[in-house]
Amino acid sequence: MATAKTKKNKLSLENAKQKLDSQLNQDIQVIAYPAGSYDQQTLQLVKKCNYN
């Protein structure tokens, strides 16, 4: 079961991708992790949001 934090992070990733895709008129497929910090859950969310 997804936690509130996971849902918030997924929504944030989806919104960021949608905004970038729209503003740049391209399908953004990559993401940069702040300070190179991520975990397995973050990787799963990124894939669900159509980043590579």
Protein backbone atom coordinates (compact mmCIF):
# COMPACT_ATOMS: atom_id res chain seq x y z
CA MET A 1 0.00 0.00 0.00
CA ALA A 2 1.37 3.39 -1.01
CA THR A 3 2.07 5.88 1.72
CA ALA A 4 1.03 9.52 1.59
CA LYS A 5 4.67 10.45 0.96
CA THR A 6 4.87 8.03 -1.99
CA LYS A 7 1.67 9.40 -3.49
CA LYS A 8 2.95 12.97 -3.05
CA ASN A 9 6.27 12.11 -4.69
CA LYS A 10 4.55 10.37 -7.61
CA LEU A 11 2.27 13.34 -8.17
CA SER A 12 5.26 15.68 -8.03
CA LEU A 13 7.15 13.61 -10.62
CA GLU A 14 4.10 13.41 -12.90
CA ASN A 15 3.45 17.15 -12.68
CA ALA A 16 7.09 18.03 -13.33
CA LYS A 17 7.24 15.76 -16.38
CA GLN A 18 3.99 17.10 -17.78
CA LYS A 19 5.14 20.70 -17.31
CA LEU A 20 8.56 20.08 -18.88
CA ASP A 21 7.07 18.13 -21.80
CA SER A 22 4.65 20.97 -22.47
CA GLN A 23 7.08 23.87 -22.05
CA LEU A 24 9.85 22.26 -24.08
CA ASN A 25 7.51 20.63 -26.60
CA GLN A 26 9.30 17.28 -26.25
CA ASP A 27 8.98 14.02 -24.37
CA ILE A 28 11.40 14.36 -21.46
CA GLN A 29 12.81 10.94 -20.63
CA VAL A 30 15.59 11.59 -18.14
CA ILE A 31 15.66 12.86 -14.60
CA ALA A 32 18.40 14.16 -12.30
CA TYR A 33 18.37 13.18 -8.66
CA PRO A 34 19.14 15.99 -6.19
CA ALA A 35 22.66 15.43 -4.83
CA GLY A 36 22.60 12.04 -6.56
CA SER A 37 20.38 10.71 -3.80
CA TYR A 38 17.70 8.12 -4.54
CA ASP A 39 16.43 4.76 -3.33
CA GLN A 40 14.67 1.75 -4.86
CA GLN A 41 11.23 3.28 -4.27
CA THR A 42 12.27 6.44 -6.12
CA LEU A 43 13.50 4.37 -9.07
CA GLN A 44 10.14 2.57 -9.25
CA LEU A 45 8.21 5.85 -9.16
CA VAL A 46 10.38 7.35 -11.90
CA LYS A 47 9.69 4.37 -14.17
CA LYS A 48 5.94 4.59 -13.48
CA CYS A 49 6.04 8.25 -14.52
CA ASN A 50 7.57 7.35 -17.90
CA TYR A 51 11.10 8.53 -17.29
CA ASN A 52 13.91 6.18 -18.37
